[in-house]
Protein backbone atom coordinates (compact mmCIF):
# COMPACT_ATOMS: atom_id res chain seq x y z
CA MET A 1 78.25 18.08 51.89
CA CYS A 2 75.50 15.75 50.68
CA PHE A 3 75.22 14.41 47.17
CA LEU A 4 72.41 12.40 45.69
CA TYR A 5 74.32 9.40 44.39
CA ARG A 6 73.07 7.36 41.46
CA ARG A 7 75.68 5.21 39.81
CA ILE A 8 75.61 4.50 36.11
CA ALA A 9 75.81 0.77 35.53
CA PRO A 10 76.94 -0.14 32.03
CA SER A 11 74.34 -2.89 31.84
CA ASN A 12 71.31 -0.69 32.48
CA VAL A 13 72.03 2.68 30.92
CA PRO A 14 68.88 3.78 29.07
CA THR A 15 70.52 4.83 25.81
CA GLN A 16 69.94 4.17 22.19
CA GLN A 17 72.56 2.76 19.86
CA LEU A 18 74.22 5.69 18.14
CA SER A 19 75.43 5.63 14.58
CA GLY A 20 79.18 5.55 14.63
CA ALA A 21 79.22 4.45 18.28
CA HIS A 22 82.31 2.63 19.46
CA THR A 23 83.57 0.89 22.56
CA PRO A 24 85.78 3.45 24.33
CA ALA A 25 89.34 2.51 25.09
CA PHE A 26 90.23 3.42 28.66
CA PRO A 27 93.77 4.67 29.36
CA THR A 28 95.75 2.73 31.91
CA ASP A 29 98.97 4.74 32.09
CA LEU A 30 99.93 7.66 34.29
CA SER A 31 99.28 10.22 31.55
CA MET A 32 95.81 10.58 33.10
CA PRO A 33 96.61 10.61 36.83
CA LEU A 34 93.22 11.86 38.00
CA LEU A 35 91.73 8.55 36.87
CA PHE A 36 94.64 6.41 37.99
CA GLY A 37 94.25 4.15 41.00
CA GLN A 38 92.91 0.86 42.22
CA SER A 39 90.57 2.04 44.97
CA ALA A 40 86.94 0.93 44.78
CA PRO A 41 85.63 4.49 44.20
CA MET A 42 87.92 4.86 41.19
CA GLN A 43 86.90 1.51 39.76
CA TYR A 44 83.26 2.62 39.99
CA LEU A 45 84.16 5.95 38.37
CA ARG A 46 85.88 4.24 35.45
CA ASP A 47 82.80 2.06 34.91
CA ASP A 48 80.65 5.18 34.93
CA LEU A 49 82.86 6.94 32.39
CA VAL A 50 82.76 4.02 29.99
CA ALA A 51 78.95 3.94 30.24
CA ALA A 52 78.68 7.70 29.72
CA GLY A 53 81.05 7.49 26.76
CA ARG A 54 78.73 5.04 25.02
CA SER A 55 75.76 7.30 25.58
CA ASP A 56 74.77 10.67 24.20
CA ALA A 57 72.62 11.60 27.20
CA THR A 58 72.98 14.68 29.38
CA VAL A 59 75.45 14.17 32.23
CA LEU A 60 75.52 15.74 35.69
CA ILE A 61 78.94 15.53 37.37
CA VAL A 62 79.07 16.14 41.13
CA GLY A 63 82.04 16.32 43.44
CA GLU A 64 84.13 18.56 45.62
CA SER A 65 86.32 21.36 44.35
CA GLY A 66 89.57 20.07 42.90
CA ALA A 67 88.38 16.49 42.51
CA GLY A 68 88.53 16.58 38.70
CA LYS A 69 85.00 17.24 37.45
CA GLU A 70 86.04 19.12 34.31
CA PHE A 71 88.65 16.47 33.57
CA VAL A 72 85.91 13.83 33.81
CA ALA A 73 83.70 15.80 31.41
CA ARG A 74 86.52 16.16 28.88
CA HIS A 75 87.28 12.46 29.16
CA VAL A 76 83.64 11.47 28.52
CA HIS A 77 83.65 13.78 25.49
CA ASP A 78 86.86 12.20 24.18
CA MET A 79 85.41 8.69 24.57
CA GLY A 80 82.20 9.42 22.68
CA ARG A 81 81.15 9.89 19.09
CA ARG A 82 81.63 13.68 19.41
CA ARG A 83 85.32 13.40 20.25
CA SER A 84 86.40 15.12 17.00
CA GLU A 85 84.06 18.08 17.63
CA ASN A 86 84.32 21.06 19.98
CA PHE A 87 84.29 20.80 23.76
CA VAL A 88 83.03 24.22 24.87
CA ARG A 89 83.30 25.30 28.52
CA ALA A 90 81.11 27.87 30.27
CA ASP A 91 81.69 28.93 33.88
CA CYS A 92 78.19 29.71 35.13
CA SER A 93 79.40 31.50 38.27
CA SER A 94 81.48 34.05 36.37
CA ILE A 95 78.85 35.13 33.80
CA PRO A 96 76.58 37.94 35.08
CA ASP A 97 72.85 37.42 34.62
CA SER A 98 72.74 40.39 32.25
CA LEU A 99 75.23 38.71 29.91
CA PHE A 100 74.27 35.07 30.26
CA GLU A 101 71.81 35.01 27.38
CA SER A 102 74.32 36.74 25.10
CA GLU A 103 77.14 34.39 26.12
CA LEU A 104 75.07 31.26 25.64
CA PHE A 105 73.05 32.22 22.55
CA GLY A 106 75.02 35.09 21.01
CA HIS A 107 73.92 38.57 19.96
CA VAL A 108 73.60 40.69 16.84
CA ARG A 109 75.26 44.00 16.23
CA GLY A 110 73.54 46.91 17.95
CA SER A 111 71.40 44.75 20.22
CA PHE A 112 72.78 46.49 23.34
CA PRO A 113 75.46 49.08 24.14
CA GLY A 114 78.85 47.62 23.30
CA ALA A 115 77.52 45.07 20.79
CA TYR A 116 79.63 46.35 17.89
CA ARG A 117 79.45 43.14 15.86
CA ASP A 118 77.53 39.91 15.58
CA LYS A 119 78.77 37.30 18.01
CA PRO A 120 77.76 33.63 18.01
CA GLY A 121 77.08 32.09 21.40
CA LEU A 122 78.67 29.15 23.18
CA ALA A 123 75.77 26.87 22.27
CA MET A 124 76.36 27.45 18.57
CA ALA A 125 80.10 26.92 19.03
CA ALA A 126 79.30 23.55 20.63
CA ASN A 127 77.01 22.41 17.82
CA HIS A 128 77.73 18.71 17.09
CA GLY A 129 80.02 18.71 20.12
CA THR A 130 79.73 19.15 23.88
CA LEU A 131 78.71 22.14 25.99
CA PHE A 132 80.14 21.87 29.51
CA LEU A 133 78.49 24.04 32.16
CA ASN A 134 80.72 24.36 35.20
CA ARG A 135 79.50 25.48 38.65
CA LEU A 136 75.93 24.95 37.58
CA GLY A 137 74.55 25.25 41.13
CA GLU A 138 75.49 28.93 41.25
CA MET A 139 73.15 29.95 38.42
CA SER A 140 70.31 32.34 39.18
CA PHE A 141 66.70 31.27 38.69
CA ALA A 142 66.42 33.50 35.61
CA THR A 143 69.39 31.88 33.88
CA GLN A 144 68.12 28.44 34.88
CA THR A 145 64.97 29.20 32.89
CA LEU A 146 66.98 30.17 29.82
CA LEU A 147 68.97 26.95 30.07
CA PHE A 148 65.87 24.81 30.55
CA ASP A 149 64.20 26.30 27.48
CA PHE A 150 67.30 25.58 25.40
CA LEU A 151 67.50 21.98 26.62
CA GLU A 152 63.85 21.41 25.84
CA SER A 153 63.81 22.93 22.34
CA GLY A 154 67.42 22.74 21.20
CA THR A 155 66.90 26.08 19.49
CA VAL A 156 68.65 29.40 20.05
CA ARG A 157 67.82 32.99 19.25
CA SER A 158 70.60 35.54 19.44
CA VAL A 159 69.92 38.61 21.56
CA GLY A 160 68.43 41.28 19.29
CA SER A 161 67.53 38.85 16.52
CA ARG A 162 64.14 37.60 15.34
CA GLN A 163 65.62 34.49 13.74
CA VAL A 164 65.51 31.19 15.60
CA ASP A 165 68.35 28.79 14.80
CA GLY A 166 68.28 25.07 15.35
CA PRO A 167 67.54 22.66 16.64
CA LEU A 168 71.22 22.27 17.50
CA ASP A 169 72.94 18.94 18.05
CA VAL A 170 74.66 19.56 21.38
CA ARG A 171 75.46 17.20 24.21
CA VAL A 172 75.26 19.03 27.53
CA MET A 173 77.33 18.12 30.57
CA ALA A 174 77.18 20.06 33.81
CA ALA A 175 79.21 20.03 36.99
CA THR A 176 78.59 21.27 40.51
CA THR A 177 80.09 21.13 43.98
CA LEU A 178 76.62 21.63 45.47
CA SER A 179 73.75 19.23 45.99
CA LEU A 180 71.25 20.29 43.34
CA TYR A 181 68.66 18.06 44.99
CA ALA A 182 69.01 20.07 48.20
CA LEU A 183 68.70 23.29 46.18
CA VAL A 184 65.52 21.94 44.61
CA GLU A 185 64.17 21.17 48.08
CA SER A 186 64.96 24.73 49.24
CA GLY A 187 63.37 26.26 46.14
CA ASP A 188 66.65 27.64 44.78
CA PHE A 189 66.89 25.37 41.75
CA ARG A 190 64.27 24.45 39.18
CA GLU A 191 63.04 20.90 39.69
CA ASP A 192 62.33 20.39 35.99
CA LEU A 193 65.86 21.55 35.10
CA TYR A 194 67.35 19.20 37.69
CA TYR A 195 65.61 16.17 36.18
CA ARG A 196 66.43 17.36 32.67
CA LEU A 197 70.14 17.48 33.52
CA ASN A 198 70.32 14.46 35.82
CA VAL A 199 69.86 11.79 33.16
CA LEU A 200 73.26 10.26 33.92
CA GLN A 201 74.99 11.23 37.14
CA ILE A 202 78.71 10.76 37.77
CA VAL A 203 80.09 11.24 41.28
CA VAL A 204 83.80 12.10 41.44
CA PRO A 205 85.15 10.80 44.77
CA PRO A 206 87.21 13.07 47.04
CA LEU A 207 90.86 12.15 47.39
CA ARG A 208 90.46 11.26 51.08
CA GLU A 209 88.16 8.38 50.06
CA ARG A 210 90.58 6.96 47.50
CA GLY A 211 92.83 5.13 49.95
CA ASP A 212 96.26 4.24 48.60
CA ASP A 213 95.59 6.13 45.35
CA VAL A 214 97.13 9.15 47.08
CA VAL A 215 100.50 7.33 47.07
CA LEU A 216 100.30 6.76 43.31
CA LEU A 217 99.38 10.38 42.69
CA LEU A 218 102.11 11.62 45.00
CA ARG A 219 104.73 9.61 43.12
CA HIS A 220 103.38 10.76 39.78
CA TYR A 221 103.43 14.46 40.61
CA LEU A 222 106.87 14.23 42.21
CA ALA A 223 108.24 12.79 38.96
CA GLU A 224 106.26 15.21 36.78
CA SER A 225 107.37 18.28 38.74
CA ALA A 226 110.99 17.16 38.76
CA ARG A 227 110.91 16.83 34.96
CA ALA A 228 109.26 20.23 34.61
CA TYR A 229 111.93 21.94 36.72
CA GLY A 230 114.82 19.93 35.30
CA VAL A 231 115.91 18.56 38.68
CA ALA A 232 116.43 15.15 40.21
CA GLU A 233 113.33 13.71 41.80
CA PRO A 234 113.57 14.50 45.53
CA ARG A 235 113.16 11.89 48.21
CA LEU A 236 110.69 12.18 51.07
CA SER A 237 111.70 11.56 54.65
CA PRO A 238 109.51 8.97 56.42
CA ALA A 239 107.92 11.72 58.52
CA ALA A 240 107.09 13.89 55.49
CA TYR A 241 105.73 10.86 53.64
CA ASP A 242 103.43 9.96 56.55
CA MET A 243 102.11 13.52 56.74
CA LEU A 244 101.40 13.70 53.02
CA VAL A 245 99.69 10.32 52.88
CA GLY A 246 97.67 10.92 56.05
CA TYR A 247 96.50 14.44 55.17
CA ARG A 248 92.80 14.77 54.27
CA TRP A 249 93.42 16.92 51.15
CA PRO A 250 90.34 19.18 51.29
CA GLY A 251 91.41 20.66 47.93
CA ASN A 252 91.66 17.13 46.51
CA VAL A 253 93.90 16.29 43.53
CA ARG A 254 94.35 19.95 42.59
CA GLU A 255 95.74 20.72 46.06
CA LEU A 256 98.04 17.67 46.01
CA LYS A 257 99.45 18.63 42.63
CA HIS A 258 100.28 22.19 43.66
CA VAL A 259 101.70 21.17 47.05
CA VAL A 260 104.05 18.71 45.35
CA GLU A 261 105.07 21.27 42.74
CA GLY A 262 105.87 23.76 45.50
CA MET A 263 107.96 21.18 47.35
CA VAL A 264 109.98 20.37 44.25
CA ALA A 265 110.44 24.01 43.23
CA GLY A 266 111.71 25.00 46.68
CA HIS A 267 113.70 21.85 47.36
CA HIS A 268 117.37 22.07 48.31
CA ALA A 269 119.50 19.45 46.57
CA ASN A 270 121.31 16.71 48.43
CA ARG A 271 118.79 16.30 51.22
CA ASP A 272 115.39 14.68 51.72
CA ILE A 273 112.16 16.63 51.97
CA VAL A 274 111.29 16.89 55.66
CA PRO A 275 108.12 18.09 57.45
CA ASP A 276 109.48 21.65 57.71
CA ASP A 277 109.44 21.79 53.89
CA LEU A 278 105.69 21.16 53.78
CA PRO A 279 103.02 23.88 53.68
CA HIS A 280 101.83 25.23 57.00
CA GLU A 281 98.35 23.70 56.69
CA LEU A 282 99.83 20.21 56.57
CA LEU A 283 101.90 20.86 59.70
CA THR A 284 98.87 21.94 61.75
CA VAL A 285 96.76 18.85 61.00
CA SER A 286 97.42 15.52 62.64
CA PRO A 287 97.87 12.84 59.98
CA GLU A 288 95.33 10.07 59.76
CA ALA A 289 96.16 6.43 59.41
CA PRO A 290 96.16 5.48 55.71
CA GLN A 291 92.93 3.77 54.69
């Protein structure tokens, strides 16, 4: 999968000074494990998050499934001046085209069958806060046009209404597993919308590129799962440890977390976790040497 990578350097972010802006404090403890680690990709990511937190610009977050894109968006929101306002999430792939306009902008009573009452849209709910659009690359061309018009004008008109509200004060962040640039090249994504969204781009690295960070995450989720199930933290046999550390983790941090939880939940006391306790997919893949 190809991503167009453009790092955000704190020294050259084209932003204006915002009233009430502050220097974000970055957490260093394990309460935020997705961002924990000393690998070079994670150090770059932390720099990018600090820069995005200072800004109020639109953010495009790209990365594989399970890498932590929504977590990154929430963290940028929490670091910025809008941190006390709403963070509103919309899953673009799960909203049918016929309902997208209503979901985003709202509708008035009687505007279509089933519209029994006025309903404000997600954009209005995010006013003064952040609107996070997940799985952006799966939007149809028609819904892309609706989104572009909103980003350009900042105004909304509920379905069935003649009144235009706004302009709203909404910061938009979007996330995708796909290369929007490739979709633009193929004609499946609006070029003007791509450039409108891609003001700041944050790339979330896959777990397989994070080197020894997988060891830190493994230890964290072992301890977290043991606390959640009220059991002693299990030990890993050397063979199981090597398989877990050498696995490529195609599902990234999400997959690691759930694999570890399953190991702890099904663990028999008084013995180490061995390879036979691991999921089948880990047993059928030869481990790689740790990076």
